[in-house]
C-alpha atoms as a PDB file:
ATOM      1  CA  MET A   1      67.064 104.971  85.051  1.00  0.00           C
ATOM      2  CA  LYS A   2      68.828 102.315  87.119  1.00  0.00           C
ATOM      3  CA  ASP A   3      68.574 103.001  90.867  1.00  0.00           C
ATOM      4  CA  LEU A   4      66.796 106.343  90.381  1.00  0.00           C
ATOM      5  CA  LYS A   5      64.358 107.112  93.181  1.00  0.00           C
ATOM      6  CA  ILE A   6      60.957 108.033  91.772  1.00  0.00           C
ATOM      7  CA  PHE A   7      57.877 109.439  93.487  1.00  0.00           C
ATOM      8  CA  GLN A   8      54.405 108.789  92.041  1.00  0.00           C
ATOM      9  CA  TYR A   9      52.005 111.745  92.434  1.00  0.00           C
ATOM     10  CA  GLY A  10      48.549 110.430  91.515  1.00  0.00           C
ATOM     11  CA  CYS A  11      47.703 106.726  91.490  1.00  0.00           C
ATOM     12  CA  GLY A  12      44.976 106.388  88.874  1.00  0.00           C
ATOM     13  CA  LYS A  13      44.874 104.731  85.453  1.00  0.00           C
ATOM     14  CA  MET A  14      48.138 106.123  84.107  1.00  0.00           C
ATOM     15  CA  SER A  15      50.167 105.261  87.193  1.00  0.00           C
ATOM     16  CA  VAL A  16      49.520 101.554  86.582  1.00  0.00           C
ATOM     17  CA  TYR A  17      51.982 101.863  83.696  1.00  0.00           C
ATOM     18  CA  THR A  18      54.321 104.629  84.856  1.00  0.00           C
ATOM     19  CA  MET A  19      55.157 102.825  88.105  1.00  0.00           C
ATOM     20  CA  ARG A  20      55.634  99.463  86.428  1.00  0.00           C
ATOM     21  CA  TYR A  21      57.786 100.956  83.677  1.00  0.00           C
ATOM     22  CA  VAL A  22      60.009 102.667  86.254  1.00  0.00           C
ATOM     23  CA  ILE A  23      60.474  99.429  88.185  1.00  0.00           C
ATOM     24  CA  GLU A  24      61.113  97.336  85.075  1.00  0.00           C
ATOM     25  CA  ASN A  25      63.725  99.880  83.924  1.00  0.00           C
ATOM     26  CA  GLY A  26      65.636  99.480  87.185  1.00  0.00           C
ATOM     27  CA  GLY A  27      64.256 102.484  89.037  1.00  0.00           C
ATOM     28  CA  LYS A  28      62.605 102.468  92.453  1.00  0.00           C
ATOM     29  CA  ILE A  29      59.216 103.858  93.429  1.00  0.00           C
ATOM     30  CA  ILE A  30      59.938 105.178  96.907  1.00  0.00           C
ATOM     31  CA  GLY A  31      56.633 106.899  97.611  1.00  0.00           C
ATOM     32  CA  ALA A  32      53.175 107.620  96.224  1.00  0.00           C
ATOM     33  CA  VAL A  33      50.239 109.900  97.007  1.00  0.00           C
ATOM     34  CA  ASP A  34      46.663 110.391  95.847  1.00  0.00           C
ATOM     35  CA  ILE A  35      43.503 112.217  96.906  1.00  0.00           C
ATOM     36  CA  ASN A  36      41.197 109.236  96.360  1.00  0.00           C
ATOM     37  CA  PRO A  37      40.256 107.578  99.653  1.00  0.00           C
ATOM     38  CA  ASP A  38      39.684 104.327  97.775  1.00  0.00           C
ATOM     39  CA  VAL A  39      43.395 103.978  97.010  1.00  0.00           C
ATOM     40  CA  ILE A  40      44.972 105.736 100.004  1.00  0.00           C
ATOM     41  CA  GLY A  41      46.404 103.059 102.294  1.00  0.00           C
ATOM     42  CA  LYS A  42      46.868 100.509  99.513  1.00  0.00           C
ATOM     43  CA  ASP A  43      50.213  99.110  98.449  1.00  0.00           C
ATOM     44  CA  ILE A  44      51.183 100.364  94.980  1.00  0.00           C
ATOM     45  CA  GLY A  45      51.363  96.717  93.885  1.00  0.00           C
ATOM     46  CA  GLU A  46      47.595  96.536  94.295  1.00  0.00           C
ATOM     47  CA  VAL A  47      47.221  99.447  91.843  1.00  0.00           C
ATOM     48  CA  MET A  48      49.642  97.893  89.356  1.00  0.00           C
ATOM     49  CA  GLY A  49      48.043  94.443  89.684  1.00  0.00           C
ATOM     50  CA  THR A  50      51.277  92.899  90.951  1.00  0.00           C
ATOM     51  CA  ASP A  51      52.556  91.541  94.225  1.00  0.00           C
ATOM     52  CA  LYS A  52      52.865  94.056  97.041  1.00  0.00           C
ATOM     53  CA  VAL A  53      56.114  95.995  96.960  1.00  0.00           C
ATOM     54  CA  GLY A  54      56.040  97.633 100.385  1.00  0.00           C
ATOM     55  CA  VAL A  55      55.163 101.180  99.271  1.00  0.00           C
ATOM     56  CA  ILE A  56      51.882 102.477 100.667  1.00  0.00           C
ATOM     57  CA  ILE A  57      49.891 105.206  98.924  1.00  0.00           C
ATOM     58  CA  GLU A  58      49.523 108.199 101.245  1.00  0.00           C
ATOM     59  CA  ASP A  59      47.230 111.220 101.276  1.00  0.00           C
ATOM     60  CA  ALA A  60      48.329 113.919  98.818  1.00  0.00           C
ATOM     61  CA  LYS A  61      47.747 116.589 101.457  1.00  0.00           C
ATOM     62  CA  ASN A  62      50.949 115.324 103.080  1.00  0.00           C
ATOM     63  CA  ALA A  63      52.973 115.479  99.847  1.00  0.00           C
ATOM     64  CA  GLU A  64      55.288 118.296 100.931  1.00  0.00           C
ATOM     65  CA  LYS A  65      56.305 116.507 104.129  1.00  0.00           C
ATOM     66  CA  ILE A  66      56.811 113.200 102.314  1.00  0.00           C
ATOM     67  CA  LEU A  67      58.848 114.736  99.474  1.00  0.00           C
ATOM     68  CA  THR A  68      61.044 116.580 101.951  1.00  0.00           C
ATOM     69  CA  GLU A  69      61.754 113.354 103.819  1.00  0.00           C
ATOM     70  CA  LEU A  70      62.225 111.049 100.807  1.00  0.00           C
ATOM     71  CA  LYS A  71      64.135 113.426  98.491  1.00  0.00           C
ATOM     72  CA  PRO A  72      63.327 111.536  95.253  1.00  0.00           C
ATOM     73  CA  ASP A  73      65.287 112.112  92.047  1.00  0.00           C
ATOM     74  CA  CYS A  74      62.066 112.853  90.180  1.00  0.00           C
ATOM     75  CA  ALA A  75      58.304 112.862  90.673  1.00  0.00           C
ATOM     76  CA  ILE A  76      55.829 111.646  88.052  1.00  0.00           C
ATOM     77  CA  VAL A  77      52.565 113.597  88.233  1.00  0.00           C
ATOM     78  CA  THR A  78      49.621 111.830  86.566  1.00  0.00           C
ATOM     79  CA  THR A  79      46.489 113.622  87.714  1.00  0.00           C
ATOM     80  CA  MET A  80      44.698 116.319  85.711  1.00  0.00           C
ATOM     81  CA  SER A  81      44.801 117.875  82.218  1.00  0.00           C
ATOM     82  CA  LEU A  82      45.010 121.615  82.966  1.00  0.00           C
ATOM     83  CA  LEU A  83      48.011 123.360  84.507  1.00  0.00           C
ATOM     84  CA  SER A  84      45.817 125.246  86.972  1.00  0.00           C
ATOM     85  CA  ASP A  85      44.585 121.924  88.355  1.00  0.00           C
ATOM     86  CA  LEU A  86      48.210 120.909  88.966  1.00  0.00           C
ATOM     87  CA  GLU A  87      49.318 124.125  90.629  1.00  0.00           C
ATOM     88  CA  GLU A  88      49.488 122.618  94.108  1.00  0.00           C
ATOM     89  CA  ALA A  89      51.270 119.456  92.986  1.00  0.00           C
ATOM     90  CA  LEU A  90      53.867 121.193  90.800  1.00  0.00           C
ATOM     91  CA  MET A  91      54.443 124.058  93.224  1.00  0.00           C
ATOM     92  CA  THR A  92      54.943 121.508  96.013  1.00  0.00           C
ATOM     93  CA  CYS A  93      57.565 119.679  93.945  1.00  0.00           C
ATOM     94  CA  ALA A  94      59.270 122.973  93.081  1.00  0.00           C
ATOM     95  CA  LYS A  95      59.198 124.120  96.711  1.00  0.00           C
ATOM     96  CA  CYS A  96      60.834 120.859  97.797  1.00  0.00           C
ATOM     97  CA  GLY A  97      63.455 121.053  95.054  1.00  0.00           C
ATOM     98  CA  VAL A  98      62.156 117.857  93.417  1.00  0.00           C
ATOM     99  CA  ASN A  99      62.309 117.412  89.633  1.00  0.00           C
ATOM    100  CA  ALA A 100      58.871 116.624  88.226  1.00  0.00           C
ATOM    101  CA  ILE A 101      57.453 115.390  84.929  1.00  0.00           C
ATOM    102  CA  THR A 102      53.735 115.343  84.288  1.00  0.00           C
ATOM    103  CA  THR A 103      51.362 113.837  81.737  1.00  0.00           C
ATOM    104  CA  CYS A 104      49.196 116.977  82.057  1.00  0.00           C
ATOM    105  CA  GLU A 105      48.513 117.887  78.443  1.00  0.00           C
ATOM    106  CA  GLU A 106      48.660 121.644  78.956  1.00  0.00           C
ATOM    107  CA  ALA A 107      52.039 121.303  80.684  1.00  0.00           C
ATOM    108  CA  PHE A 108      53.551 120.191  77.364  1.00  0.00           C
ATOM    109  CA  TYR A 109      53.944 123.874  76.454  1.00  0.00           C
ATOM    110  CA  PRO A 110      51.953 126.019  78.915  1.00  0.00           C
ATOM    111  CA  MET A 111      53.822 129.216  78.040  1.00  0.00           C
ATOM    112  CA  ASN A 112      51.191 129.986  75.390  1.00  0.00           C
ATOM    113  CA  SER A 113      48.098 129.180  77.464  1.00  0.00           C
ATOM    114  CA  ASN A 114      48.872 130.023  81.107  1.00  0.00           C
ATOM    115  CA  PRO A 115      52.078 132.102  81.174  1.00  0.00           C
ATOM    116  CA  THR A 116      51.361 133.581  84.603  1.00  0.00           C
ATOM    117  CA  LEU A 117      51.280 130.243  86.418  1.00  0.00           C
ATOM    118  CA  THR A 118      54.078 128.838  84.253  1.00  0.00           C
ATOM    119  CA  ASN A 119      56.325 131.734  85.269  1.00  0.00           C
ATOM    120  CA  LYS A 120      55.369 131.251  88.913  1.00  0.00           C
ATOM    121  CA  ILE A 121      56.362 127.576  88.819  1.00  0.00           C
ATOM    122  CA  ASP A 122      59.463 128.397  86.764  1.00  0.00           C
ATOM    123  CA  GLN A 123      60.696 130.938  89.308  1.00  0.00           C
ATOM    124  CA  LEU A 124      60.207 128.621  92.296  1.00  0.00           C
ATOM    125  CA  ALA A 125      61.873 125.728  90.482  1.00  0.00           C
ATOM    126  CA  LYS A 126      64.882 127.918  89.671  1.00  0.00           C
ATOM    127  CA  GLU A 127      65.111 129.069  93.267  1.00  0.00           C
ATOM    128  CA  ASN A 128      65.243 125.451  94.433  1.00  0.00           C
ATOM    129  CA  ASN A 129      67.349 124.094  91.546  1.00  0.00           C
ATOM    130  CA  CYS A 130      64.907 121.604  90.057  1.00  0.00           C
ATOM    131  CA  THR A 131      63.204 121.055  86.718  1.00  0.00           C
ATOM    132  CA  ILE A 132      59.487 120.846  85.934  1.00  0.00           C
ATOM    133  CA  THR A 133      58.179 119.685  82.552  1.00  0.00           C
ATOM    134  CA  GLY A 134      55.335 117.990  80.692  1.00  0.00           C
ATOM    135  CA  SER A 135      55.578 115.005  78.380  1.00  0.00           C
ATOM    136  CA  GLY A 136      53.599 112.043  77.103  1.00  0.00           C
ATOM    137  CA  TYR A 137      52.181 110.792  73.817  1.00  0.00           C
ATOM    138  CA  GLN A 138      52.408 114.229  72.210  1.00  0.00           C
ATOM    139  CA  ASP A 139      56.159 114.434  72.888  1.00  0.00           C
ATOM    140  CA  ALA A 140      56.731 111.645  70.359  1.00  0.00           C
ATOM    141  CA  PHE A 141      53.723 111.490  68.044  1.00  0.00           C
ATOM    142  CA  TRP A 142      52.743 115.167  67.798  1.00  0.00           C
ATOM    143  CA  GLY A 143      56.202 116.559  68.424  1.00  0.00           C
ATOM    144  CA  ASN A 144      59.489 114.785  67.712  1.00  0.00           C
ATOM    145  CA  LEU A 145      58.160 112.683  64.824  1.00  0.00           C
ATOM    146  CA  ILE A 146      56.898 115.831  63.134  1.00  0.00           C
ATOM    147  CA  THR A 147      60.047 117.884  63.629  1.00  0.00           C
ATOM    148  CA  THR A 148      62.094 114.950  62.309  1.00  0.00           C
ATOM    149  CA  LEU A 149      59.985 114.916  59.128  1.00  0.00           C
ATOM    150  CA  ALA A 150      60.413 118.672  58.906  1.00  0.00           C
ATOM    151  CA  GLY A 151      64.165 118.110  59.023  1.00  0.00           C
ATOM    152  CA  ALA A 152      63.871 115.989  55.874  1.00  0.00           C
ATOM    153  CA  SER A 153      61.970 118.693  53.963  1.00  0.00           C
ATOM    154  CA  HIS A 154      63.437 121.201  51.498  1.00  0.00           C
ATOM    155  CA  ASN A 155      60.747 123.766  52.266  1.00  0.00           C
ATOM    156  CA  ILE A 156      57.473 123.815  54.196  1.00  0.00           C
ATOM    157  CA  THR A 157      54.287 125.794  53.638  1.00  0.00           C
ATOM    158  CA  LYS A 158      51.941 123.977  55.995  1.00  0.00           C
ATOM    159  CA  ILE A 159      51.919 121.339  58.729  1.00  0.00           C
ATOM    160  CA  LYS A 160      48.575 119.598  59.155  1.00  0.00           C
ATOM    161  CA  GLY A 161      47.893 117.028  61.843  1.00  0.00           C
ATOM    162  CA  SER A 162      44.987 115.024  63.223  1.00  0.00           C
ATOM    163  CA  SER A 163      44.924 112.620  66.135  1.00  0.00           C
ATOM    164  CA  SER A 164      42.077 110.776  67.819  1.00  0.00           C
ATOM    165  CA  TYR A 165      41.866 109.010  71.162  1.00  0.00           C
ATOM    166  CA  ASN A 166      39.279 107.355  73.362  1.00  0.00           C
ATOM    167  CA  VAL A 167      38.547 109.456  76.451  1.00  0.00           C
ATOM    168  CA  GLU A 168      37.548 106.247  78.249  1.00  0.00           C
ATOM    169  CA  ASP A 169      41.241 105.403  78.561  1.00  0.00           C
ATOM    170  CA  TYR A 170      42.291 108.435  80.565  1.00  0.00           C
ATOM    171  CA  GLY A 171      39.884 109.163  83.374  1.00  0.00           C
ATOM    172  CA  ILE A 172      36.982 111.417  84.216  1.00  0.00           C
ATOM    173  CA  ALA A 173      38.884 114.736  84.213  1.00  0.00           C
ATOM    174  CA  LEU A 174      39.882 114.346  80.572  1.00  0.00           C
ATOM    175  CA  ALA A 175      36.467 113.086  79.509  1.00  0.00           C
ATOM    176  CA  LYS A 176      34.745 116.106  81.058  1.00  0.00           C
ATOM    177  CA  ALA A 177      37.297 118.482  79.526  1.00  0.00           C
ATOM    178  CA  HIS A 178      36.178 117.168  76.130  1.00  0.00           C
ATOM    179  CA  GLY A 179      32.511 117.812  76.861  1.00  0.00           C
ATOM    180  CA  ALA A 180      31.600 114.122  76.887  1.00  0.00           C
ATOM    181  CA  GLY A 181      28.073 113.612  78.210  1.00  0.00           C
ATOM    182  CA  LEU A 182      26.915 117.187  77.593  1.00  0.00           C
ATOM    183  CA  SER A 183      23.878 118.132  75.570  1.00  0.00           C
ATOM    184  CA  LYS A 184      24.432 120.218  72.440  1.00  0.00           C
ATOM    185  CA  GLU A 185      23.279 123.319  74.298  1.00  0.00           C
ATOM    186  CA  GLU A 186      25.507 122.568  77.302  1.00  0.00           C
ATOM    187  CA  PHE A 187      28.490 122.002  75.021  1.00  0.00           C
ATOM    188  CA  GLU A 188      27.951 125.332  73.309  1.00  0.00           C
ATOM    189  CA  LYS A 189      27.718 127.145  76.646  1.00  0.00           C
ATOM    190  CA  GLU A 190      30.473 125.355  78.571  1.00  0.00           C
ATOM    191  CA  ILE A 191      33.019 124.517  75.846  1.00  0.00           C
ATOM    192  CA  ALA A 192      32.548 126.167  72.450  1.00  0.00           C
ATOM    193  CA  SER A 193      31.609 129.665  73.617  1.00  0.00           C
ATOM    194  CA  ALA A 194      35.023 130.150  75.202  1.00  0.00           C
ATOM    195  CA  ASP A 195      36.568 130.518  71.741  1.00  0.00           C
ATOM    196  CA  GLU A 196      33.974 132.875  70.294  1.00  0.00           C
ATOM    197  CA  ILE A 197      36.037 135.918  71.261  1.00  0.00           C
ATOM    198  CA  THR A 198      38.524 138.296  69.638  1.00  0.00           C
ATOM    199  CA  ASP A 199      42.283 137.714  69.741  1.00  0.00           C
ATOM    200  CA  GLU A 200      42.630 140.572  72.219  1.00  0.00           C
ATOM    201  CA  GLU A 201      39.956 139.135  74.498  1.00  0.00           C
ATOM    202  CA  ARG A 202      41.572 135.699  74.295  1.00  0.00           C
ATOM    203  CA  GLN A 203      44.963 137.085  75.253  1.00  0.00           C
ATOM    204  CA  LYS A 204      43.474 138.721  78.331  1.00  0.00           C
ATOM    205  CA  VAL A 205      41.912 135.398  79.345  1.00  0.00           C
ATOM    206  CA  ILE A 206      45.245 133.640  78.768  1.00  0.00           C
ATOM    207  CA  GLU A 207      47.105 136.153  80.931  1.00  0.00           C
ATOM    208  CA  SER A 208      44.499 135.736  83.670  1.00  0.00           C
ATOM    209  CA  GLY A 209      45.135 131.986  83.779  1.00  0.00           C
ATOM    210  CA  ALA A 210      41.513 131.130  82.981  1.00  0.00           C
ATOM    211  CA  TYR A 211      41.975 129.886  79.413  1.00  0.00           C
ATOM    212  CA  ALA A 212      41.095 126.241  78.660  1.00  0.00           C
ATOM    213  CA  PRO A 213      43.273 125.199  75.707  1.00  0.00           C
ATOM    214  CA  SER A 214      42.714 122.135  73.598  1.00  0.00           C
ATOM    215  CA  TYR A 215      45.709 119.817  73.504  1.00  0.00           C
ATOM    216  CA  MET A 216      46.859 120.996  70.082  1.00  0.00           C
ATOM    217  CA  TRP A 217      47.040 124.577  71.332  1.00  0.00           C
ATOM    218  CA  ASN A 218      50.078 123.661  73.392  1.00  0.00           C
ATOM    219  CA  VAL A 219      51.399 121.260  70.744  1.00  0.00           C
ATOM    220  CA  ASN A 220      51.486 124.046  68.158  1.00  0.00           C
ATOM    221  CA  GLY A 221      53.436 126.191  70.605  1.00  0.00           C
ATOM    222  CA  TRP A 222      55.879 123.319  71.223  1.00  0.00           C
ATOM    223  CA  LEU A 223      56.347 122.705  67.491  1.00  0.00           C
ATOM    224  CA  CYS A 224      57.009 126.373  66.810  1.00  0.00           C
ATOM    225  CA  ASP A 225      59.484 126.498  69.681  1.00  0.00           C
ATOM    226  CA  LYS A 226      61.309 123.383  68.449  1.00  0.00           C
ATOM    227  CA  LEU A 227      61.342 124.552  64.815  1.00  0.00           C
ATOM    228  CA  GLY A 228      62.319 128.139  65.631  1.00  0.00           C
ATOM    229  CA  LEU A 229      59.094 129.616  64.227  1.00  0.00           C
ATOM    230  CA  THR A 230      57.612 132.923  65.381  1.00  0.00           C
ATOM    231  CA  VAL A 231      53.884 132.800  66.139  1.00  0.00           C
ATOM    232  CA  VAL A 232      51.870 135.664  64.663  1.00  0.00           C
ATOM    233  CA  SER A 233      48.373 134.424  65.529  1.00  0.00           C
ATOM    234  CA  GLN A 234      46.682 131.343  66.935  1.00  0.00           C
ATOM    235  CA  ARG A 235      43.012 130.365  67.176  1.00  0.00           C
ATOM    236  CA  GLN A 236      41.052 127.267  68.130  1.00  0.00           C
ATOM    237  CA  LYS A 237      37.561 125.988  67.441  1.00  0.00           C
ATOM    238  CA  CYS A 238      35.887 123.195  69.386  1.00  0.00           C
ATOM    239  CA  VAL A 239      33.148 121.161  67.692  1.00  0.00           C
ATOM    240  CA  PRO A 240      31.055 118.514  69.509  1.00  0.00           C
ATOM    241  CA  GLN A 241      31.042 114.912  68.283  1.00  0.00           C
ATOM    242  CA  PHE A 242      27.837 112.865  68.279  1.00  0.00           C
ATOM    243  CA  ASN A 243      26.774 109.276  67.815  1.00  0.00           C
ATOM    244  CA  ASP A 244      23.446 107.992  66.479  1.00  0.00           C
ATOM    245  CA  TYR A 245      22.994 105.420  69.241  1.00  0.00           C
ATOM    246  CA  ASP A 246      23.543 105.236  72.999  1.00  0.00           C
ATOM    247  CA  ILE A 247      27.040 104.448  74.308  1.00  0.00           C
ATOM    248  CA  GLU A 248      27.944 103.346  77.818  1.00  0.00           C
ATOM    249  CA  SER A 249      30.779 105.269  79.456  1.00  0.00           C
ATOM    250  CA  SER A 250      32.391 103.554  82.427  1.00  0.00           C
ATOM    251  CA  THR A 251      34.602 106.598  82.999  1.00  0.00           C
ATOM    252  CA  LEU A 252      31.659 108.999  83.221  1.00  0.00           C
ATOM    253  CA  GLY A 253      29.486 106.397  84.932  1.00  0.00           C
ATOM    254  CA  MET A 254      26.593 107.115  82.590  1.00  0.00           C
ATOM    255  CA  THR A 255      24.951 106.318  79.295  1.00  0.00           C
ATOM    256  CA  VAL A 256      25.864 108.882  76.657  1.00  0.00           C
ATOM    257  CA  LYS A 257      22.617 108.962  74.767  1.00  0.00           C
ATOM    258  CA  ALA A 258      22.235 109.619  71.047  1.00  0.00           C
ATOM    259  CA  GLY A 259      22.266 113.387  70.571  1.00  0.00           C
ATOM    260  CA  MET A 260      24.566 113.996  73.543  1.00  0.00           C
ATOM    261  CA  ALA A 261      28.199 114.901  72.909  1.00  0.00           C
ATOM    262  CA  THR A 262      30.535 111.908  72.998  1.00  0.00           C
ATOM    263  CA  GLY A 263      33.437 114.353  73.046  1.00  0.00           C
ATOM    264  CA  MET A 264      34.849 116.949  70.706  1.00  0.00           C
ATOM    265  CA  SER A 265      37.113 117.859  67.828  1.00  0.00           C
ATOM    266  CA  ALA A 266      39.378 120.832  68.491  1.00  0.00           C
ATOM    267  CA  VAL A 267      41.142 122.503  65.555  1.00  0.00           C
ATOM    268  CA  VAL A 268      43.983 124.907  66.240  1.00  0.00           C
ATOM    269  CA  THR A 269      45.322 127.157  63.460  1.00  0.00           C
ATOM    270  CA  THR A 270      48.649 128.922  63.932  1.00  0.00           C
ATOM    271  CA  GLU A 271      50.138 131.467  61.522  1.00  0.00           C
ATOM    272  CA  THR A 272      53.859 132.178  61.736  1.00  0.00           C
ATOM    273  CA  LYS A 273      56.160 135.004  60.654  1.00  0.00           C
ATOM    274  CA  GLU A 274      58.045 132.515  58.514  1.00  0.00           C
ATOM    275  CA  GLY A 275      54.931 131.810  56.413  1.00  0.00           C
ATOM    276  CA  ILE A 276      54.355 128.281  57.702  1.00  0.00           C
ATOM    277  CA  THR A 277      50.788 127.506  58.824  1.00  0.00           C
ATOM    278  CA  LEU A 278      50.074 124.836  61.423  1.00  0.00           C
ATOM    279  CA  GLU A 279      46.568 123.340  61.343  1.00  0.00           C
ATOM    280  CA  THR A 280      46.171 120.628  63.942  1.00  0.00           C
ATOM    281  CA  GLU A 281      43.178 118.710  65.212  1.00  0.00           C
ATOM    282  CA  CYS A 282      42.653 116.421  68.164  1.00  0.00           C
ATOM    283  CA  ILE A 283      39.515 114.318  68.435  1.00  0.00           C
ATOM    284  CA  GLY A 284      38.786 113.010  71.903  1.00  0.00           C
ATOM    285  CA  LYS A 285      35.541 111.149  72.526  1.00  0.00           C
ATOM    286  CA  VAL A 286      33.870 108.034  73.880  1.00  0.00           C
ATOM    287  CA  TYR A 287      34.434 105.602  71.045  1.00  0.00           C
ATOM    288  CA  ASN A 288      31.710 103.538  69.452  1.00  0.00           C
ATOM    289  CA  LYS A 289      32.427  99.897  68.652  1.00  0.00           C
ATOM    290  CA  ASP A 290      33.971 100.645  65.230  1.00  0.00           C
ATOM    291  CA  GLU A 291      36.388 103.434  66.207  1.00  0.00           C
ATOM    292  CA  PHE A 292      40.062 103.328  67.109  1.00  0.00           C
ATOM    293  CA  ASP A 293      42.991 105.679  67.709  1.00  0.00           C
ATOM    294  CA  ARG A 294      44.595 107.218  64.644  1.00  0.00           C
ATOM    295  CA  ASN A 295      47.418 109.711  64.164  1.00  0.00           C
ATOM    296  CA  GLU A 296      47.898 111.385  60.766  1.00  0.00           C
ATOM    297  CA  TRP A 297      50.207 114.270  59.842  1.00  0.00           C
ATOM    298  CA  THR A 298      51.123 115.835  56.525  1.00  0.00           C
ATOM    299  CA  ILE A 299      53.934 118.276  55.865  1.00  0.00           C
ATOM    300  CA  TYR A 300      53.168 120.293  52.734  1.00  0.00           C
ATOM    301  CA  GLY A 301      56.014 121.768  50.725  1.00  0.00           C
ATOM    302  CA  GLU A 302      58.813 120.134  48.830  1.00  0.00           C
ATOM    303  CA  PRO A 303      58.141 117.289  49.086  1.00  0.00           C
ATOM    304  CA  ASP A 304      54.708 116.598  50.582  1.00  0.00           C
ATOM    305  CA  THR A 305      55.097 113.926  53.255  1.00  0.00           C
ATOM    306  CA  THR A 306      52.347 112.070  55.134  1.00  0.00           C
ATOM    307  CA  LEU A 307      52.702 109.982  58.266  1.00  0.00           C
ATOM    308  CA  VAL A 308      49.846 107.691  59.376  1.00  0.00           C
ATOM    309  CA  ILE A 309      49.799 105.573  62.517  1.00  0.00           C
ATOM    310  CA  GLU A 310      46.710 103.473  63.148  1.00  0.00           C
ATOM    311  CA  LYS A 311      45.734 101.982  66.482  1.00  0.00           C
ATOM    312  CA  PRO A 312      48.631 103.328  68.546  1.00  0.00           C
ATOM    313  CA  ALA A 313      48.571 102.121  72.152  1.00  0.00           C
ATOM    314  CA  THR A 314      48.157 105.706  73.303  1.00  0.00           C
ATOM    315  CA  VAL A 315      48.081 105.096  77.070  1.00  0.00           C
ATOM    316  CA  GLU A 316      51.150 102.858  77.109  1.00  0.00           C
ATOM    317  CA  LEU A 317      53.014 105.160  74.715  1.00  0.00           C
ATOM    318  CA  THR A 318      52.189 108.148  76.915  1.00  0.00           C
ATOM    319  CA  CYS A 319      53.543 106.431  79.999  1.00  0.00           C
ATOM    320  CA  ALA A 320      56.647 104.986  78.323  1.00  0.00           C
ATOM    321  CA  THR A 321      57.495 108.392  76.841  1.00  0.00           C
ATOM    322  CA  THR A 322      57.117 110.037  80.238  1.00  0.00           C
ATOM    323  CA  VAL A 323      59.361 107.508  81.964  1.00  0.00           C
ATOM    324  CA  ASN A 324      61.966 107.638  79.171  1.00  0.00           C
ATOM    325  CA  ARG A 325      62.152 111.426  79.574  1.00  0.00           C
ATOM    326  CA  ILE A 326      63.139 111.256  83.264  1.00  0.00           C
ATOM    327  CA  PRO A 327      66.927 111.254  82.659  1.00  0.00           C
ATOM    328  CA  ASP A 328      66.501 114.346  80.448  1.00  0.00           C
ATOM    329  CA  VAL A 329      64.535 116.098  83.199  1.00  0.00           C
ATOM    330  CA  ILE A 330      67.238 115.361  85.761  1.00  0.00           C
ATOM    331  CA  LYS A 331      69.951 116.739  83.438  1.00  0.00           C
ATOM    332  CA  ALA A 332      68.004 119.825  82.291  1.00  0.00           C
ATOM    333  CA  ASP A 333      68.450 123.395  83.506  1.00  0.00           C
ATOM    334  CA  ALA A 334      66.409 124.465  86.511  1.00  0.00           C
ATOM    335  CA  GLY A 335      62.985 125.941  85.873  1.00  0.00           C
ATOM    336  CA  PHE A 336      59.928 125.044  83.825  1.00  0.00           C
ATOM    337  CA  ILE A 337      61.664 123.610  80.763  1.00  0.00           C
ATOM    338  CA  PRO A 338      59.575 122.188  77.882  1.00  0.00           C
ATOM    339  CA  THR A 339      60.865 119.000  76.260  1.00  0.00           C
ATOM    340  CA  SER A 340      61.293 120.976  73.018  1.00  0.00           C
ATOM    341  CA  ARG A 341      64.507 122.174  74.694  1.00  0.00           C
ATOM    342  CA  MET A 342      65.674 118.780  75.962  1.00  0.00           C
ATOM    343  CA  GLY A 343      66.802 117.160  72.745  1.00  0.00           C
ATOM    344  CA  GLU A 344      65.395 114.080  71.047  1.00  0.00           C
ATOM    345  CA  LEU A 345      63.386 111.437  72.830  1.00  0.00           C
ATOM    346  CA  LYS A 346      65.492 108.331  73.529  1.00  0.00           C
ATOM    347  CA  TYR A 347      64.872 104.701  74.388  1.00  0.00           C
ATOM    348  CA  ILE A 348      66.336 103.777  77.753  1.00  0.00           C
ATOM    349  CA  LYS A 349      67.080 100.479  79.433  1.00  0.00           C
END
C-alpha cells in the first residue's frame, strides 16, 4: 500500500474510513469526487474529521478528466448498492484504464444478477488493461471465512448463513433498497413482488439488467465460484421487518412508525449440481434500541460447524477489507474479476 496513489469516488459515510485507512497504511489520496453539492469544494480532511490535507473534493461529472490527469493506481468507489447505479463510475474508471474496487454489494459477484452490464465493464477494462472488482464486509465474513470452514470439512450437504446489519450505518440508498420506511402494501408492490415470478421470467429480467438482487444473491454466486460448485437453481424471497413502536431514522430523515417496514429479510436458496444447498439470509433494517449486528453460519455435513460473530463493526470491517484488497486488484488480470479469483484476503501494513 505504501506510496500507492488512490482516488476516492464518492465522499459519503464509507469514505470517512476508506480514505483514512489508505493514508494510515502509507498510501496517498490524490483526488476525490462526489455529486453532493454539500461536500464538493471541501478538503477531504473535513470529511474524515482530520486536519486539511490539501485534496479538494471535485464534481463527479468531471471524473473522466481528473482520472486521466491524475492516473491513480486504484480508485475506491463508495456510492450505491446496485451495479446499474455504478455504471457511469465504473465505466469511467475502465475507460481511463484505472483499477477500481467498490463497496457496491452487487459488484461482489454481479455475473449472476446483471451479466450484460458486467460483460460491458469487463470488456472495456480488458481493452484498457485495468481491473474492476467489488469487495467489503462480505468478502471476509460471508465469503473467505466460510470457504475456509468448508476446507476443514470432510463432506458438506448444506451451507446456511444469516447476517444482520443496521441500515442507518450505510446511507439512504441502502436503506431504501431494503424497503425501510415503506408501508406493508408499498413493500409488497415495490420489493417483494419482484420475486413472485418463474425462474424463466427471472432469468429474462436478469439478462435485461433490471433485476434487484438481495446481497446474498451475489454472495451465493461468489461462494459457488470459490468452491467450484455448479449452480442448478437460485431463488430469493424478501420479507418486510416491523417494529411495534416508532423509530427515528436519521438516514431516511423520517420517523418509521409502528407498522411501517424498518427494512427486510432476504433469503436466497441455491441448489447445486454437487448436491450442496446454500440457504443464506441477510437482515437489513433500522435497528431498535436492543438490536445489534450478528453474523452466523453453519456448515452441515461431517462435521457440522457453526461460526457466530456478534456485534461486528460492519462499517469499519467493510472499509478495511476494501483497502486491504487494493494490492490484489492491482496485481489481478484485466477485466471484471471477482475477489473469489484473487486468493485469500490478507492483512497489509
